[in-house]
Amino acid sequence: MRTVTVLCTSFNRPDLLERTLKSFFKFNTYPIENFVVLDDSGEVGCNDHLKPVFPTVRFEYNLERIGQIKSIDRLYEFAEAPYVFHLEEDWEFYKKGFIEDSFDVLNENPNIHCVWLRSDKDTNGHPIEDWAYQSEGSSVTWSKVKLNHKGMWHGFTFNPGLRRVSEYFTHGPYSRLAEFDPKKPWKSESIIGAYFKNHGYIAAIIRGNGYVKHIGDGRGIRS
C-alpha cells in the first residue's frame, strides 16, 4: 500500500486545530504512517492540551517564529512515507475518501503536483478547465486547474492536498524559492507556483462538492 505522512502547519489557534483534527479523523479512511503538527507561533506548548485527545499525532514547536515556508521545510524532515498529505490548522473535512480519491487523480499524470479538495465552486475565484477527466477504474472525475490566473496563480497551493515527497526533495526546499511575508501571505505560494509551472507541473481538482472547507476566515496571520 502507498503510505502517507500527514504534515500540518499551526500558529497558536488550538480551537481551529482541534476542529481540523477532529474532522480529519472523522472522515479519513486511509491508513496514516505518521502525523505531525508543527506550531510556528513561538508559544511552545500551546497545543499540548490536545495530546490526550489525539494520541497518534506528534506535536512539535519552533522555539521562535521562523515563518510558514521554513516551517514547512522543517515539517518535511518528519516525512516517513513517499507521499505527504499537506494540511493547515484551519480546515474542516466533511466527506470521506479524500486520500484514496486523490491517489486516483495523482497517478493519472506524473506532472500533477497537487490535488485540490475544495468544492469546484469554492476555488477563491481560481478558474478550472471545463474538460473533465475520468480516472481509469475509478468513479473520480477531475479537471485541471488553469494556469496563469491573474498572471500569477498556476494551481500550486498549501491548502489540504496529497503530493509526492520526491518532488519536494527534487525541487525544494521551498525556502530557497520564496520567503513568507506575513503582510502578503499569498505571495510565497504564487512564487513557488510559478516555479513549478515553469518546470511543467500542473494542479488538479476533483469535481463536485469537495471534501473540505476553510474555517479560518478573519483569523489569518498578518503580523
N, C-alpha and C. Protein backbone atom coordinates (compact mmCIF):
# COMPACT_ATOMS: atom_id res chain seq x y z
N MET A 1 0.84 -1.21 0.00
CA MET A 1 0.00 0.00 0.00
C MET A 1 0.88 1.25 0.00
N ARG A 2 0.47 2.27 -0.73
CA ARG A 2 1.19 3.54 -0.76
C ARG A 2 0.99 4.25 0.58
N THR A 3 2.09 4.55 1.27
CA THR A 3 2.00 5.11 2.61
C THR A 3 2.03 6.63 2.58
N VAL A 4 1.41 7.22 3.61
CA VAL A 4 1.19 8.66 3.65
C VAL A 4 1.58 9.22 5.01
N THR A 5 2.31 10.32 5.00
CA THR A 5 2.56 11.14 6.19
C THR A 5 1.67 12.37 6.11
N VAL A 6 1.05 12.74 7.23
CA VAL A 6 0.29 13.99 7.29
C VAL A 6 1.17 15.03 7.99
N LEU A 7 1.37 16.18 7.34
CA LEU A 7 2.15 17.28 7.88
C LEU A 7 1.25 18.50 7.97
N CYS A 8 1.13 19.06 9.17
CA CYS A 8 0.17 20.14 9.41
C CYS A 8 0.88 21.34 10.02
N THR A 9 0.72 22.52 9.41
CA THR A 9 1.23 23.75 9.98
C THR A 9 0.23 24.32 10.97
N SER A 10 0.76 25.05 11.96
CA SER A 10 -0.07 25.57 13.05
C SER A 10 0.49 26.90 13.51
N PHE A 11 -0.40 27.76 14.08
CA PHE A 11 0.06 29.06 14.58
C PHE A 11 -0.80 29.48 15.77
N ASN A 12 -0.74 28.71 16.85
CA ASN A 12 -1.41 29.04 18.11
C ASN A 12 -2.88 29.39 17.91
N ARG A 13 -3.56 28.54 17.17
CA ARG A 13 -5.02 28.64 17.05
C ARG A 13 -5.59 27.26 17.42
N PRO A 14 -5.43 26.87 18.68
CA PRO A 14 -5.77 25.49 19.06
C PRO A 14 -7.24 25.14 18.86
N ASP A 15 -8.12 26.13 18.93
CA ASP A 15 -9.54 25.83 18.70
C ASP A 15 -9.77 25.40 17.25
N LEU A 16 -9.10 26.10 16.31
CA LEU A 16 -9.22 25.73 14.91
C LEU A 16 -8.50 24.41 14.65
N LEU A 17 -7.34 24.24 15.26
CA LEU A 17 -6.60 22.99 15.09
C LEU A 17 -7.42 21.80 15.57
N GLU A 18 -8.09 21.95 16.70
CA GLU A 18 -8.90 20.84 17.22
C GLU A 18 -10.03 20.49 16.25
N ARG A 19 -10.69 21.51 15.70
CA ARG A 19 -11.75 21.25 14.72
C ARG A 19 -11.19 20.55 13.49
N THR A 20 -10.02 21.01 13.05
CA THR A 20 -9.39 20.39 11.88
C THR A 20 -9.07 18.93 12.13
N LEU A 21 -8.43 18.65 13.26
CA LEU A 21 -8.03 17.27 13.55
C LEU A 21 -9.24 16.38 13.77
N LYS A 22 -10.23 16.86 14.49
CA LYS A 22 -11.43 16.04 14.72
C LYS A 22 -12.10 15.68 13.40
N SER A 23 -12.21 16.65 12.51
CA SER A 23 -12.87 16.37 11.23
C SER A 23 -12.01 15.45 10.37
N PHE A 24 -10.67 15.63 10.43
CA PHE A 24 -9.80 14.75 9.66
C PHE A 24 -9.98 13.30 10.08
N PHE A 25 -9.91 13.06 11.38
CA PHE A 25 -10.00 11.68 11.85
C PHE A 25 -11.41 11.12 11.70
N LYS A 26 -12.40 11.97 11.69
CA LYS A 26 -13.76 11.51 11.48
C LYS A 26 -13.98 11.01 10.05
N PHE A 27 -13.38 11.71 9.08
CA PHE A 27 -13.67 11.41 7.68
C PHE A 27 -12.54 10.70 6.94
N ASN A 28 -11.34 10.66 7.51
CA ASN A 28 -10.27 9.94 6.82
C ASN A 28 -10.48 8.44 6.91
N THR A 29 -10.30 7.77 5.79
CA THR A 29 -10.47 6.31 5.72
C THR A 29 -9.22 5.63 5.20
N TYR A 30 -8.09 6.35 5.22
CA TYR A 30 -6.84 5.80 4.68
C TYR A 30 -5.81 5.68 5.80
N PRO A 31 -5.04 4.58 5.86
CA PRO A 31 -4.01 4.44 6.91
C PRO A 31 -2.95 5.53 6.81
N ILE A 32 -2.55 6.06 7.96
CA ILE A 32 -1.55 7.12 8.02
C ILE A 32 -0.29 6.59 8.68
N GLU A 33 0.86 6.82 8.03
CA GLU A 33 2.14 6.36 8.57
C GLU A 33 2.51 7.14 9.82
N ASN A 34 2.49 8.45 9.72
CA ASN A 34 2.72 9.31 10.88
C ASN A 34 2.08 10.66 10.63
N PHE A 35 1.79 11.38 11.71
CA PHE A 35 1.04 12.64 11.65
C PHE A 35 1.76 13.62 12.55
N VAL A 36 2.21 14.75 11.97
CA VAL A 36 2.99 15.73 12.72
C VAL A 36 2.36 17.11 12.55
N VAL A 37 2.17 17.79 13.69
CA VAL A 37 1.74 19.19 13.70
C VAL A 37 2.91 20.03 14.19
N LEU A 38 3.26 21.07 13.44
CA LEU A 38 4.35 21.96 13.83
C LEU A 38 3.81 23.37 14.00
N ASP A 39 3.95 23.90 15.23
CA ASP A 39 3.46 25.25 15.51
C ASP A 39 4.60 26.26 15.40
N ASP A 40 4.31 27.38 14.74
CA ASP A 40 5.33 28.40 14.46
C ASP A 40 5.06 29.72 15.18
N SER A 41 4.22 29.69 16.22
CA SER A 41 3.88 30.94 16.90
C SER A 41 4.94 31.38 17.89
N GLY A 42 5.82 30.46 18.29
CA GLY A 42 6.76 30.75 19.35
C GLY A 42 6.21 30.48 20.73
N GLU A 43 4.92 30.12 20.81
CA GLU A 43 4.28 29.78 22.08
C GLU A 43 4.38 28.27 22.29
N VAL A 44 5.52 27.85 22.78
CA VAL A 44 5.76 26.42 22.95
C VAL A 44 4.76 25.83 23.96
N GLY A 45 4.09 24.76 23.55
CA GLY A 45 3.13 24.10 24.41
C GLY A 45 1.69 24.52 24.20
N CYS A 46 1.45 25.44 23.26
CA CYS A 46 0.09 25.97 23.10
C CYS A 46 -0.92 24.91 22.65
N ASN A 47 -0.44 23.83 22.07
CA ASN A 47 -1.35 22.76 21.62
C ASN A 47 -1.25 21.50 22.48
N ASP A 48 -0.49 21.55 23.57
CA ASP A 48 -0.22 20.34 24.34
C ASP A 48 -1.49 19.73 24.95
N HIS A 49 -2.49 20.55 25.23
CA HIS A 49 -3.72 20.01 25.82
C HIS A 49 -4.47 19.10 24.84
N LEU A 50 -4.06 19.13 23.57
CA LEU A 50 -4.70 18.27 22.57
C LEU A 50 -4.04 16.90 22.48
N LYS A 51 -2.89 16.72 23.12
CA LYS A 51 -2.19 15.44 23.03
C LYS A 51 -3.03 14.26 23.50
N PRO A 52 -3.74 14.35 24.63
CA PRO A 52 -4.56 13.20 25.05
C PRO A 52 -5.73 12.93 24.11
N VAL A 53 -6.20 13.97 23.42
CA VAL A 53 -7.33 13.82 22.51
C VAL A 53 -6.89 13.14 21.22
N PHE A 54 -5.67 13.43 20.78
CA PHE A 54 -5.14 12.90 19.52
C PHE A 54 -3.80 12.20 19.79
N PRO A 55 -3.83 11.02 20.41
CA PRO A 55 -2.59 10.37 20.83
C PRO A 55 -1.69 9.92 19.69
N THR A 56 -2.22 9.83 18.47
CA THR A 56 -1.38 9.40 17.34
C THR A 56 -0.71 10.58 16.64
N VAL A 57 -0.98 11.79 17.11
CA VAL A 57 -0.41 12.99 16.49
C VAL A 57 0.82 13.44 17.28
N ARG A 58 1.86 13.75 16.58
CA ARG A 58 3.08 14.30 17.20
C ARG A 58 3.04 15.82 17.12
N PHE A 59 3.09 16.49 18.26
CA PHE A 59 3.04 17.94 18.30
C PHE A 59 4.45 18.49 18.50
N GLU A 60 4.90 19.28 17.54
CA GLU A 60 6.21 19.89 17.57
C GLU A 60 6.08 21.42 17.57
N TYR A 61 7.15 22.10 18.01
CA TYR A 61 7.13 23.56 18.11
C TYR A 61 8.45 24.14 17.62
N ASN A 62 8.35 25.28 16.95
CA ASN A 62 9.53 26.10 16.72
C ASN A 62 9.74 26.96 17.97
N LEU A 63 10.97 27.04 18.45
CA LEU A 63 11.24 27.82 19.66
C LEU A 63 10.99 29.30 19.45
N GLU A 64 11.17 29.73 18.22
CA GLU A 64 10.82 31.10 17.83
C GLU A 64 10.25 31.05 16.42
N ARG A 65 9.54 32.09 16.08
CA ARG A 65 8.86 32.11 14.79
C ARG A 65 9.86 32.14 13.64
N ILE A 66 9.69 31.23 12.68
CA ILE A 66 10.58 31.20 11.51
C ILE A 66 9.82 31.42 10.20
N GLY A 67 8.49 31.47 10.26
CA GLY A 67 7.70 31.71 9.06
C GLY A 67 7.16 30.42 8.45
N GLN A 68 6.08 30.56 7.68
CA GLN A 68 5.38 29.41 7.13
C GLN A 68 6.27 28.54 6.26
N ILE A 69 7.04 29.15 5.37
CA ILE A 69 7.78 28.36 4.39
C ILE A 69 8.89 27.56 5.06
N LYS A 70 9.65 28.17 5.94
CA LYS A 70 10.70 27.43 6.65
C LYS A 70 10.09 26.37 7.56
N SER A 71 8.90 26.64 8.10
CA SER A 71 8.22 25.64 8.93
C SER A 71 7.83 24.43 8.09
N ILE A 72 7.36 24.67 6.88
CA ILE A 72 7.02 23.55 6.00
C ILE A 72 8.27 22.75 5.67
N ASP A 73 9.37 23.44 5.40
CA ASP A 73 10.63 22.72 5.15
C ASP A 73 11.00 21.86 6.35
N ARG A 74 10.83 22.40 7.55
CA ARG A 74 11.15 21.61 8.74
C ARG A 74 10.20 20.42 8.87
N LEU A 75 8.95 20.61 8.55
CA LEU A 75 7.99 19.52 8.63
C LEU A 75 8.38 18.35 7.74
N TYR A 76 8.93 18.65 6.57
CA TYR A 76 9.29 17.56 5.66
C TYR A 76 10.39 16.67 6.22
N GLU A 77 11.10 17.15 7.23
CA GLU A 77 12.09 16.31 7.89
C GLU A 77 11.43 15.14 8.62
N PHE A 78 10.12 15.28 8.91
CA PHE A 78 9.39 14.24 9.63
C PHE A 78 8.67 13.27 8.69
N ALA A 79 8.77 13.50 7.40
CA ALA A 79 8.07 12.63 6.45
C ALA A 79 8.68 11.24 6.45
N GLU A 80 7.87 10.23 6.76
CA GLU A 80 8.34 8.84 6.80
C GLU A 80 7.74 8.01 5.67
N ALA A 81 7.04 8.65 4.76
CA ALA A 81 6.36 7.94 3.68
C ALA A 81 6.65 8.66 2.36
N PRO A 82 6.43 7.99 1.23
CA PRO A 82 6.70 8.62 -0.07
C PRO A 82 5.66 9.65 -0.49
N TYR A 83 4.55 9.71 0.25
CA TYR A 83 3.53 10.71 -0.05
C TYR A 83 3.23 11.52 1.20
N VAL A 84 2.95 12.79 0.98
CA VAL A 84 2.58 13.70 2.07
C VAL A 84 1.18 14.24 1.81
N PHE A 85 0.37 14.22 2.86
CA PHE A 85 -0.89 14.97 2.82
C PHE A 85 -0.64 16.24 3.60
N HIS A 86 -0.56 17.36 2.86
CA HIS A 86 -0.26 18.65 3.48
C HIS A 86 -1.54 19.23 4.06
N LEU A 87 -1.43 19.78 5.28
CA LEU A 87 -2.61 20.26 5.99
C LEU A 87 -2.26 21.54 6.74
N GLU A 88 -3.25 22.40 6.88
CA GLU A 88 -3.15 23.59 7.72
C GLU A 88 -4.21 23.49 8.81
N GLU A 89 -4.05 24.32 9.86
CA GLU A 89 -4.87 24.13 11.06
C GLU A 89 -6.27 24.75 10.98
N ASP A 90 -6.68 25.23 9.82
CA ASP A 90 -7.97 25.92 9.77
C ASP A 90 -8.84 25.39 8.63
N TRP A 91 -9.00 24.06 8.59
CA TRP A 91 -9.83 23.42 7.58
C TRP A 91 -10.71 22.36 8.25
N GLU A 92 -11.89 22.18 7.70
CA GLU A 92 -12.82 21.20 8.25
C GLU A 92 -13.27 20.24 7.15
N PHE A 93 -13.06 18.96 7.38
CA PHE A 93 -13.43 17.93 6.41
C PHE A 93 -14.89 17.54 6.61
N TYR A 94 -15.55 17.14 5.50
CA TYR A 94 -16.96 16.76 5.60
C TYR A 94 -17.33 15.60 4.68
N LYS A 95 -16.34 14.97 4.06
CA LYS A 95 -16.63 13.85 3.16
C LYS A 95 -15.49 12.85 3.20
N LYS A 96 -15.81 11.57 3.16
CA LYS A 96 -14.82 10.51 3.25
C LYS A 96 -14.13 10.26 1.89
N GLY A 97 -12.98 9.56 1.97
CA GLY A 97 -12.32 9.08 0.78
C GLY A 97 -11.40 10.06 0.11
N PHE A 98 -11.03 11.15 0.78
CA PHE A 98 -10.28 12.19 0.10
C PHE A 98 -8.86 11.76 -0.27
N ILE A 99 -8.23 10.92 0.53
CA ILE A 99 -6.89 10.47 0.16
C ILE A 99 -6.95 9.43 -0.95
N GLU A 100 -7.85 8.47 -0.84
CA GLU A 100 -7.99 7.47 -1.89
C GLU A 100 -8.32 8.12 -3.23
N ASP A 101 -9.26 9.05 -3.23
CA ASP A 101 -9.64 9.72 -4.47
C ASP A 101 -8.50 10.57 -5.01
N SER A 102 -7.72 11.17 -4.11
CA SER A 102 -6.56 11.96 -4.55
C SER A 102 -5.52 11.08 -5.23
N PHE A 103 -5.31 9.88 -4.70
CA PHE A 103 -4.39 8.96 -5.35
C PHE A 103 -4.85 8.63 -6.77
N ASP A 104 -6.15 8.44 -6.96
CA ASP A 104 -6.67 8.13 -8.29
C ASP A 104 -6.30 9.22 -9.29
N VAL A 105 -6.32 10.48 -8.83
CA VAL A 105 -6.01 11.59 -9.72
C VAL A 105 -4.50 11.76 -9.87
N LEU A 106 -3.78 11.73 -8.76
CA LEU A 106 -2.34 11.97 -8.78
C LEU A 106 -1.63 10.98 -9.69
N ASN A 107 -2.12 9.74 -9.71
CA ASN A 107 -1.46 8.71 -10.51
C ASN A 107 -1.85 8.74 -11.98
N GLU A 108 -2.78 9.61 -12.35
CA GLU A 108 -3.16 9.75 -13.76
C GLU A 108 -2.09 10.46 -14.58
N ASN A 109 -1.31 11.33 -13.91
CA ASN A 109 -0.38 12.18 -14.65
C ASN A 109 0.80 12.52 -13.74
N PRO A 110 2.03 12.16 -14.10
CA PRO A 110 3.17 12.46 -13.23
C PRO A 110 3.44 13.95 -13.09
N ASN A 111 2.82 14.77 -13.93
CA ASN A 111 3.03 16.21 -13.83
C ASN A 111 2.01 16.90 -12.91
N ILE A 112 1.05 16.14 -12.37
CA ILE A 112 0.14 16.70 -11.38
C ILE A 112 0.88 16.72 -10.04
N HIS A 113 1.08 17.91 -9.49
CA HIS A 113 1.87 18.00 -8.25
C HIS A 113 1.00 18.13 -7.02
N CYS A 114 -0.27 18.49 -7.16
CA CYS A 114 -1.17 18.51 -6.01
C CYS A 114 -2.61 18.40 -6.50
N VAL A 115 -3.46 17.88 -5.62
CA VAL A 115 -4.86 17.66 -5.94
C VAL A 115 -5.72 18.49 -4.99
N TRP A 116 -6.48 19.42 -5.54
CA TRP A 116 -7.35 20.25 -4.73
C TRP A 116 -8.55 19.44 -4.22
N LEU A 117 -8.94 19.71 -2.98
CA LEU A 117 -10.06 19.00 -2.36
C LEU A 117 -11.23 19.92 -2.02
N ARG A 118 -11.12 21.20 -2.32
CA ARG A 118 -12.23 22.11 -2.13
C ARG A 118 -13.32 21.80 -3.16
N SER A 119 -14.51 22.25 -2.87
CA SER A 119 -15.57 22.16 -3.87
C SER A 119 -15.14 22.90 -5.13
N ASP A 120 -15.58 22.41 -6.29
CA ASP A 120 -15.22 23.12 -7.52
C ASP A 120 -15.99 24.43 -7.67
N LYS A 121 -16.83 24.76 -6.68
CA LYS A 121 -17.48 26.08 -6.63
C LYS A 121 -16.83 26.95 -5.57
N ASP A 122 -15.76 26.47 -4.95
CA ASP A 122 -15.09 27.17 -3.85
C ASP A 122 -13.59 27.18 -4.11
N THR A 123 -13.19 27.96 -5.11
CA THR A 123 -11.79 27.97 -5.53
C THR A 123 -11.13 29.34 -5.38
N ASN A 124 -11.73 30.24 -4.57
CA ASN A 124 -11.19 31.60 -4.43
C ASN A 124 -11.13 32.31 -5.78
N GLY A 125 -12.04 31.95 -6.67
CA GLY A 125 -12.07 32.58 -7.99
C GLY A 125 -11.09 32.01 -8.99
N HIS A 126 -10.27 31.05 -8.57
CA HIS A 126 -9.30 30.46 -9.49
C HIS A 126 -10.05 29.58 -10.49
N PRO A 127 -9.94 29.86 -11.79
CA PRO A 127 -10.69 29.09 -12.78
C PRO A 127 -10.14 27.68 -12.98
N ILE A 128 -11.03 26.78 -13.34
CA ILE A 128 -10.62 25.42 -13.68
C ILE A 128 -11.10 25.13 -15.10
N GLU A 129 -10.46 24.17 -15.74
CA GLU A 129 -10.83 23.85 -17.11
C GLU A 129 -12.19 23.16 -17.15
N ASP A 130 -12.94 23.42 -18.22
CA ASP A 130 -14.26 22.81 -18.37
C ASP A 130 -14.17 21.32 -18.61
N TRP A 131 -13.11 20.90 -19.28
CA TRP A 131 -12.98 19.49 -19.63
C TRP A 131 -12.72 18.67 -18.37
N ALA A 132 -13.50 17.61 -18.19
CA ALA A 132 -13.34 16.74 -17.03
C ALA A 132 -12.84 15.38 -17.46
N TYR A 133 -11.93 14.82 -16.66
CA TYR A 133 -11.34 13.52 -16.93
C TYR A 133 -11.90 12.49 -15.94
N GLN A 134 -11.98 11.26 -16.39
CA GLN A 134 -12.41 10.16 -15.53
C GLN A 134 -11.20 9.28 -15.25
N SER A 135 -10.87 9.13 -13.95
CA SER A 135 -9.74 8.28 -13.60
C SER A 135 -10.05 6.83 -13.97
N GLU A 136 -9.08 6.16 -14.58
CA GLU A 136 -9.28 4.78 -15.02
C GLU A 136 -9.60 3.87 -13.83
N GLY A 137 -10.68 3.09 -13.97
CA GLY A 137 -11.07 2.17 -12.91
C GLY A 137 -11.60 2.85 -11.67
N SER A 138 -11.97 4.11 -11.78
CA SER A 138 -12.43 4.87 -10.62
C SER A 138 -13.65 5.69 -11.00
N SER A 139 -14.41 6.10 -10.01
CA SER A 139 -15.55 6.97 -10.24
C SER A 139 -15.17 8.45 -10.10
N VAL A 140 -13.89 8.71 -9.84
CA VAL A 140 -13.45 10.08 -9.61
C VAL A 140 -13.35 10.84 -10.94
N THR A 141 -13.94 12.01 -10.96
CA THR A 141 -13.86 12.91 -12.11
C THR A 141 -13.09 14.16 -11.69
N TRP A 142 -12.15 14.59 -12.52
CA TRP A 142 -11.31 15.71 -12.14
C TRP A 142 -11.02 16.60 -13.34
N SER A 143 -10.59 17.81 -13.05
CA SER A 143 -10.20 18.77 -14.08
C SER A 143 -8.87 19.40 -13.72
N LYS A 144 -8.23 19.96 -14.72
CA LYS A 144 -7.00 20.71 -14.46
C LYS A 144 -7.35 22.10 -13.94
N VAL A 145 -6.53 22.59 -13.03
CA VAL A 145 -6.64 23.98 -12.58
C VAL A 145 -5.90 24.84 -13.59
N LYS A 146 -6.54 25.89 -14.07
CA LYS A 146 -5.95 26.70 -15.13
C LYS A 146 -4.68 27.41 -14.67
N LEU A 147 -3.76 27.52 -15.60
CA LEU A 147 -2.53 28.27 -15.36
C LEU A 147 -2.76 29.75 -15.63
N ASN A 148 -1.84 30.56 -15.10
CA ASN A 148 -1.77 32.00 -15.42
C ASN A 148 -3.00 32.79 -14.98
N HIS A 149 -3.65 32.37 -13.91
CA HIS A 149 -4.75 33.16 -13.36
C HIS A 149 -4.20 34.47 -12.82
N LYS A 150 -4.70 35.58 -13.34
CA LYS A 150 -4.24 36.93 -12.98
C LYS A 150 -2.74 37.08 -13.17
N GLY A 151 -2.18 36.25 -14.05
CA GLY A 151 -0.77 36.34 -14.37
C GLY A 151 0.17 35.84 -13.28
N MET A 152 -0.39 35.22 -12.21
CA MET A 152 0.47 34.87 -11.09
C MET A 152 0.08 33.58 -10.37
N TRP A 153 -1.09 33.01 -10.67
CA TRP A 153 -1.55 31.81 -9.98
C TRP A 153 -1.63 30.65 -10.97
N HIS A 154 -1.05 29.52 -10.58
CA HIS A 154 -0.94 28.39 -11.51
C HIS A 154 -1.42 27.08 -10.89
N GLY A 155 -2.08 27.16 -9.75
CA GLY A 155 -2.66 25.97 -9.14
C GLY A 155 -1.93 25.45 -7.92
N PHE A 156 -0.68 25.89 -7.71
CA PHE A 156 0.04 25.44 -6.52
C PHE A 156 -0.62 26.01 -5.28
N THR A 157 -0.75 25.19 -4.24
CA THR A 157 -1.39 25.66 -3.01
C THR A 157 -0.91 24.85 -1.82
N PHE A 158 -0.93 25.49 -0.65
CA PHE A 158 -0.69 24.79 0.61
C PHE A 158 -2.00 24.41 1.29
N ASN A 159 -3.11 24.58 0.59
CA ASN A 159 -4.38 24.06 1.10
C ASN A 159 -4.28 22.54 1.22
N PRO A 160 -5.18 21.90 1.98
CA PRO A 160 -5.09 20.44 2.15
C PRO A 160 -5.00 19.70 0.83
N GLY A 161 -4.03 18.79 0.73
CA GLY A 161 -3.90 18.05 -0.50
C GLY A 161 -2.75 17.05 -0.46
N LEU A 162 -2.84 16.06 -1.32
CA LEU A 162 -1.85 15.00 -1.42
C LEU A 162 -0.78 15.37 -2.43
N ARG A 163 0.47 15.03 -2.12
CA ARG A 163 1.57 15.29 -3.05
C ARG A 163 2.70 14.28 -2.82
N ARG A 164 3.61 14.23 -3.79
CA ARG A 164 4.73 13.29 -3.72
C ARG A 164 5.90 13.93 -2.98
N VAL A 165 6.46 13.19 -2.05
CA VAL A 165 7.63 13.69 -1.32
C VAL A 165 8.81 13.87 -2.28
N SER A 166 8.92 13.01 -3.28
CA SER A 166 10.05 13.07 -4.20
C SER A 166 10.14 14.41 -4.91
N GLU A 167 9.02 15.02 -5.22
CA GLU A 167 9.04 16.31 -5.90
C GLU A 167 9.60 17.40 -4.99
N TYR A 168 9.26 17.29 -3.70
CA TYR A 168 9.81 18.27 -2.75
C TYR A 168 11.33 18.14 -2.69
N PHE A 169 11.84 16.93 -2.58
CA PHE A 169 13.28 16.76 -2.44
C PHE A 169 14.02 17.00 -3.76
N THR A 170 13.31 16.92 -4.87
CA THR A 170 13.92 17.26 -6.15
C THR A 170 14.02 18.77 -6.33
N HIS A 171 12.99 19.49 -5.93
CA HIS A 171 12.91 20.92 -6.22
C HIS A 171 13.07 21.81 -4.99
N GLY A 172 12.89 21.27 -3.82
CA GLY A 172 12.96 22.05 -2.60
C GLY A 172 14.39 22.24 -2.11
N PRO A 173 14.53 22.80 -0.91
CA PRO A 173 13.45 23.21 -0.02
C PRO A 173 12.72 24.44 -0.55
N TYR A 174 11.49 24.61 -0.08
CA TYR A 174 10.69 25.73 -0.56
C TYR A 174 11.33 27.07 -0.20
N SER A 175 12.05 27.11 0.91
CA SER A 175 12.62 28.38 1.35
C SER A 175 13.73 28.87 0.42
N ARG A 176 14.22 28.02 -0.46
CA ARG A 176 15.19 28.50 -1.45
C ARG A 176 14.48 29.23 -2.59
N LEU A 177 13.15 29.01 -2.68
CA LEU A 177 12.37 29.63 -3.75
C LEU A 177 11.66 30.90 -3.30
N ALA A 178 11.23 30.93 -2.03
CA ALA A 178 10.45 32.08 -1.57
C ALA A 178 10.53 32.18 -0.05
N GLU A 179 10.29 33.39 0.45
CA GLU A 179 10.20 33.62 1.89
C GLU A 179 8.77 34.02 2.22
N PHE A 180 8.32 33.64 3.43
CA PHE A 180 6.97 34.00 3.86
C PHE A 180 6.93 35.46 4.30
N ASP A 181 5.98 36.22 3.76
CA ASP A 181 5.77 37.61 4.13
C ASP A 181 4.41 37.71 4.78
N PRO A 182 4.32 37.90 6.13
CA PRO A 182 3.01 37.94 6.79
C PRO A 182 2.11 39.06 6.30
N LYS A 183 2.68 40.10 5.72
CA LYS A 183 1.85 41.18 5.17
C LYS A 183 1.29 40.81 3.80
N LYS A 184 1.94 39.85 3.14
CA LYS A 184 1.46 39.34 1.86
C LYS A 184 1.57 37.81 1.90
N PRO A 185 0.73 37.16 2.72
CA PRO A 185 0.90 35.72 2.95
C PRO A 185 0.68 34.87 1.71
N TRP A 186 0.05 35.44 0.70
CA TRP A 186 -0.21 34.71 -0.55
C TRP A 186 1.00 34.70 -1.49
N LYS A 187 1.94 35.62 -1.25
CA LYS A 187 3.00 35.86 -2.24
C LYS A 187 3.90 34.65 -2.41
N SER A 188 4.25 33.98 -1.32
CA SER A 188 5.16 32.85 -1.42
C SER A 188 4.55 31.71 -2.22
N GLU A 189 3.24 31.45 -2.04
CA GLU A 189 2.57 30.43 -2.84
C GLU A 189 2.64 30.77 -4.32
N SER A 190 2.45 32.05 -4.63
CA SER A 190 2.50 32.48 -6.03
C SER A 190 3.88 32.25 -6.64
N ILE A 191 4.93 32.59 -5.89
CA ILE A 191 6.30 32.44 -6.40
C ILE A 191 6.63 30.96 -6.58
N ILE A 192 6.31 30.14 -5.59
CA ILE A 192 6.58 28.70 -5.69
C ILE A 192 5.77 28.09 -6.82
N GLY A 193 4.51 28.53 -6.96
CA GLY A 193 3.66 28.04 -8.03
C GLY A 193 4.22 28.35 -9.41
N ALA A 194 4.79 29.54 -9.57
CA ALA A 194 5.40 29.91 -10.85
C ALA A 194 6.59 29.01 -11.15
N TYR A 195 7.36 28.69 -10.13
CA TYR A 195 8.50 27.78 -10.32
C TYR A 195 8.01 26.42 -10.83
N PHE A 196 6.99 25.86 -10.17
CA PHE A 196 6.51 24.54 -10.58
C PHE A 196 5.88 24.59 -11.97
N LYS A 197 5.19 25.65 -12.28
CA LYS A 197 4.63 25.80 -13.63
C LYS A 197 5.73 25.81 -14.67
N ASN A 198 6.81 26.53 -14.38
CA ASN A 198 7.92 26.61 -15.32
C ASN A 198 8.65 25.28 -15.47
N HIS A 199 8.43 24.36 -14.55
CA HIS A 199 9.03 23.03 -14.63
C HIS A 199 8.03 21.98 -15.10
N GLY A 200 6.92 22.46 -15.66
CA GLY A 200 5.99 21.56 -16.33
C GLY A 200 4.91 20.95 -15.45
N TYR A 201 4.76 21.43 -14.23
CA TYR A 201 3.77 20.85 -13.33
C TYR A 201 2.42 21.57 -13.42
N ILE A 202 1.37 20.82 -13.11
CA ILE A 202 0.02 21.36 -13.08
C ILE A 202 -0.66 20.89 -11.80
N ALA A 203 -1.79 21.50 -11.49
CA ALA A 203 -2.62 21.07 -10.36
C ALA A 203 -3.94 20.55 -10.91
N ALA A 204 -4.59 19.72 -10.11
CA ALA A 204 -5.90 19.18 -10.49
C ALA A 204 -6.88 19.39 -9.35
N ILE A 205 -8.16 19.38 -9.69
CA ILE A 205 -9.21 19.48 -8.69
C ILE A 205 -10.24 18.39 -8.95
N ILE A 206 -10.68 17.73 -7.90
CA ILE A 206 -11.72 16.72 -8.03
C ILE A 206 -13.06 17.43 -8.17
N ARG A 207 -13.80 17.07 -9.21
CA ARG A 207 -15.06 17.75 -9.48
C ARG A 207 -16.12 17.34 -8.47
N GLY A 208 -17.01 18.30 -8.17
CA GLY A 208 -18.10 18.02 -7.25
C GLY A 208 -18.09 18.95 -6.05
N ASN A 209 -18.69 18.48 -4.98
CA ASN A 209 -18.90 19.32 -3.80
C ASN A 209 -17.74 19.33 -2.82
N GLY A 210 -16.65 18.66 -3.17
CA GLY A 210 -15.44 18.75 -2.36
C GLY A 210 -15.48 17.90 -1.11
N TYR A 211 -14.42 18.04 -0.33
CA TYR A 211 -14.21 17.25 0.88
C TYR A 211 -13.90 18.11 2.10
N VAL A 212 -13.55 19.38 1.88
CA VAL A 212 -13.04 20.21 2.96
C VAL A 212 -13.38 21.67 2.70
N LYS A 213 -13.56 22.42 3.79
CA LYS A 213 -13.83 23.86 3.66
C LYS A 213 -12.94 24.64 4.62
N HIS A 214 -12.66 25.87 4.26
CA HIS A 214 -11.82 26.73 5.08
C HIS A 214 -12.63 27.28 6.24
N ILE A 215 -12.04 27.27 7.45
CA ILE A 215 -12.75 27.78 8.63
C ILE A 215 -11.95 28.89 9.31
N GLY A 216 -10.92 29.40 8.66
CA GLY A 216 -10.06 30.39 9.29
C GLY A 216 -10.26 31.81 8.83
N ASP A 217 -11.38 32.11 8.17
CA ASP A 217 -11.61 33.47 7.71
C ASP A 217 -11.59 34.45 8.89
N GLY A 218 -10.86 35.53 8.72
CA GLY A 218 -10.77 36.52 9.78
C GLY A 218 -9.79 36.16 10.87
N ARG A 219 -9.13 35.00 10.74
CA ARG A 219 -8.18 34.55 11.77
C ARG A 219 -6.80 34.36 11.16
N GLY A 220 -6.53 35.03 10.07
CA GLY A 220 -5.26 34.84 9.38
C GLY A 220 -4.09 35.46 10.12
N ILE A 221 -2.88 35.16 9.67
CA ILE A 221 -1.65 35.63 10.29
C ILE A 221 -1.16 36.82 9.49
N ARG A 222 -1.17 37.99 10.09
CA ARG A 222 -0.80 39.19 9.36
C ARG A 222 0.25 40.03 10.06
N SER A 223 0.70 39.61 11.21
CA SER A 223 1.65 40.46 11.96
C SER A 223 3.02 39.82 12.02
